[in-house]
Amino acid sequence: MKCKPIHQLLITCRYILLSMVMFCGQGSPLFAHENPNSKKRLDEIFVDLNLNRSTLEETLLAIEEQTAFRFVYNEKTLKNIKK
């Protein structure tokens, strides 16, 4: 007899939690910031690079400076790559 109210409470909590997750998920696109490159196609974005014997990390940083692109990488892995 004691299990029935607790079971009903757990089911109600599950539905409330599911409703909250769905509600919060609907609002997340509203907080997305606008990327300047999002309106351009990839072939419309130009980068001017003049890098002689530079590392891959230096190249990625130069691209980040000229565009709104951001790269995520492991620094240890990049150190083993030759120029």
Protein backbone atom coordinates (compact mmCIF):
# COMPACT_ATOMS: atom_id res chain seq x y z
CA MET A 1 0.00 0.00 0.00
CA LYS A 2 2.90 2.40 0.74
CA CYS A 3 4.52 1.82 -2.66
CA LYS A 4 1.62 3.15 -4.67
CA PRO A 5 1.92 6.87 -3.70
CA ILE A 6 5.71 6.75 -4.07
CA HIS A 7 5.41 5.08 -7.47
CA GLN A 8 2.93 7.73 -8.58
CA LEU A 9 5.28 10.48 -7.37
CA LEU A 10 8.21 9.01 -9.30
CA ILE A 11 6.15 8.85 -12.50
CA THR A 12 5.07 12.47 -12.02
CA CYS A 13 8.67 13.57 -11.41
CA ARG A 14 9.78 11.76 -14.55
CA TYR A 15 7.20 13.62 -16.67
CA ILE A 16 8.12 16.95 -15.11
CA LEU A 17 11.81 16.34 -15.77
CA LEU A 18 11.13 15.30 -19.36
CA SER A 19 8.99 18.40 -19.91
CA MET A 20 11.72 20.65 -18.51
CA VAL A 21 14.38 19.09 -20.73
CA MET A 22 12.20 19.53 -23.81
CA PHE A 23 11.34 23.11 -22.85
CA CYS A 24 14.98 24.08 -22.27
CA GLY A 25 16.04 22.42 -25.53
CA GLN A 26 13.63 24.59 -27.49
CA GLY A 27 15.16 27.82 -26.17
CA SER A 28 18.81 27.04 -26.89
CA PRO A 29 18.77 28.25 -30.53
CA LEU A 30 17.65 31.66 -29.25
CA PHE A 31 20.96 32.13 -27.44
CA ALA A 32 23.22 31.14 -30.31
CA HIS A 33 25.45 34.01 -31.39
CA GLU A 34 25.66 34.94 -35.03
CA ASN A 35 28.79 33.88 -36.83
CA PRO A 36 29.95 36.34 -39.53
CA ASN A 37 30.87 33.40 -41.76
CA SER A 38 27.49 31.71 -41.37
CA LYS A 39 25.96 33.81 -44.15
CA LYS A 40 28.74 32.94 -46.57
CA ARG A 41 29.36 29.73 -48.37
CA LEU A 42 32.71 28.10 -47.76
CA ASP A 43 33.92 28.89 -51.27
CA GLU A 44 33.18 32.60 -50.65
CA ILE A 45 35.60 32.86 -47.71
CA PHE A 46 39.14 33.81 -48.69
CA VAL A 47 42.30 33.67 -46.61
CA ASP A 48 45.58 35.29 -47.58
CA LEU A 49 48.51 33.32 -46.17
CA ASN A 50 52.20 33.93 -46.69
CA LEU A 51 53.77 31.34 -44.42
CA ASN A 52 57.16 29.92 -45.30
CA ARG A 53 58.35 26.99 -43.20
CA SER A 54 55.74 27.65 -40.53
CA THR A 55 54.29 25.06 -38.23
CA LEU A 56 50.77 23.75 -38.57
CA GLU A 57 49.86 25.51 -35.34
CA GLU A 58 51.07 28.86 -36.75
CA THR A 59 49.04 28.23 -39.90
CA LEU A 60 45.88 27.48 -37.95
CA LEU A 61 46.37 30.61 -35.84
CA ALA A 62 46.80 32.72 -38.99
CA ILE A 63 43.52 31.35 -40.37
CA GLU A 64 41.78 32.07 -37.07
CA GLU A 65 42.97 35.69 -37.20
CA GLN A 66 41.51 36.26 -40.67
CA THR A 67 38.23 34.39 -40.22
CA ALA A 68 35.70 33.52 -37.56
CA PHE A 69 36.79 29.88 -37.71
CA ARG A 70 38.21 28.32 -34.57
CA PHE A 71 40.26 25.12 -34.48
CA VAL A 72 40.48 22.64 -31.64
CA TYR A 73 43.57 20.47 -31.52
CA ASN A 74 45.97 18.70 -29.22
CA GLU A 75 49.17 20.73 -28.89
CA LYS A 76 51.28 17.63 -28.21
CA THR A 77 50.18 16.09 -31.49
CA LEU A 78 51.03 19.23 -33.48
CA LYS A 79 54.53 19.45 -32.05
CA ASN A 80 55.44 16.13 -33.71
CA ILE A 81 54.45 17.33 -37.19
CA LYS A 82 57.28 18.57 -39.39
CA LYS A 83 57.31 22.03 -40.96
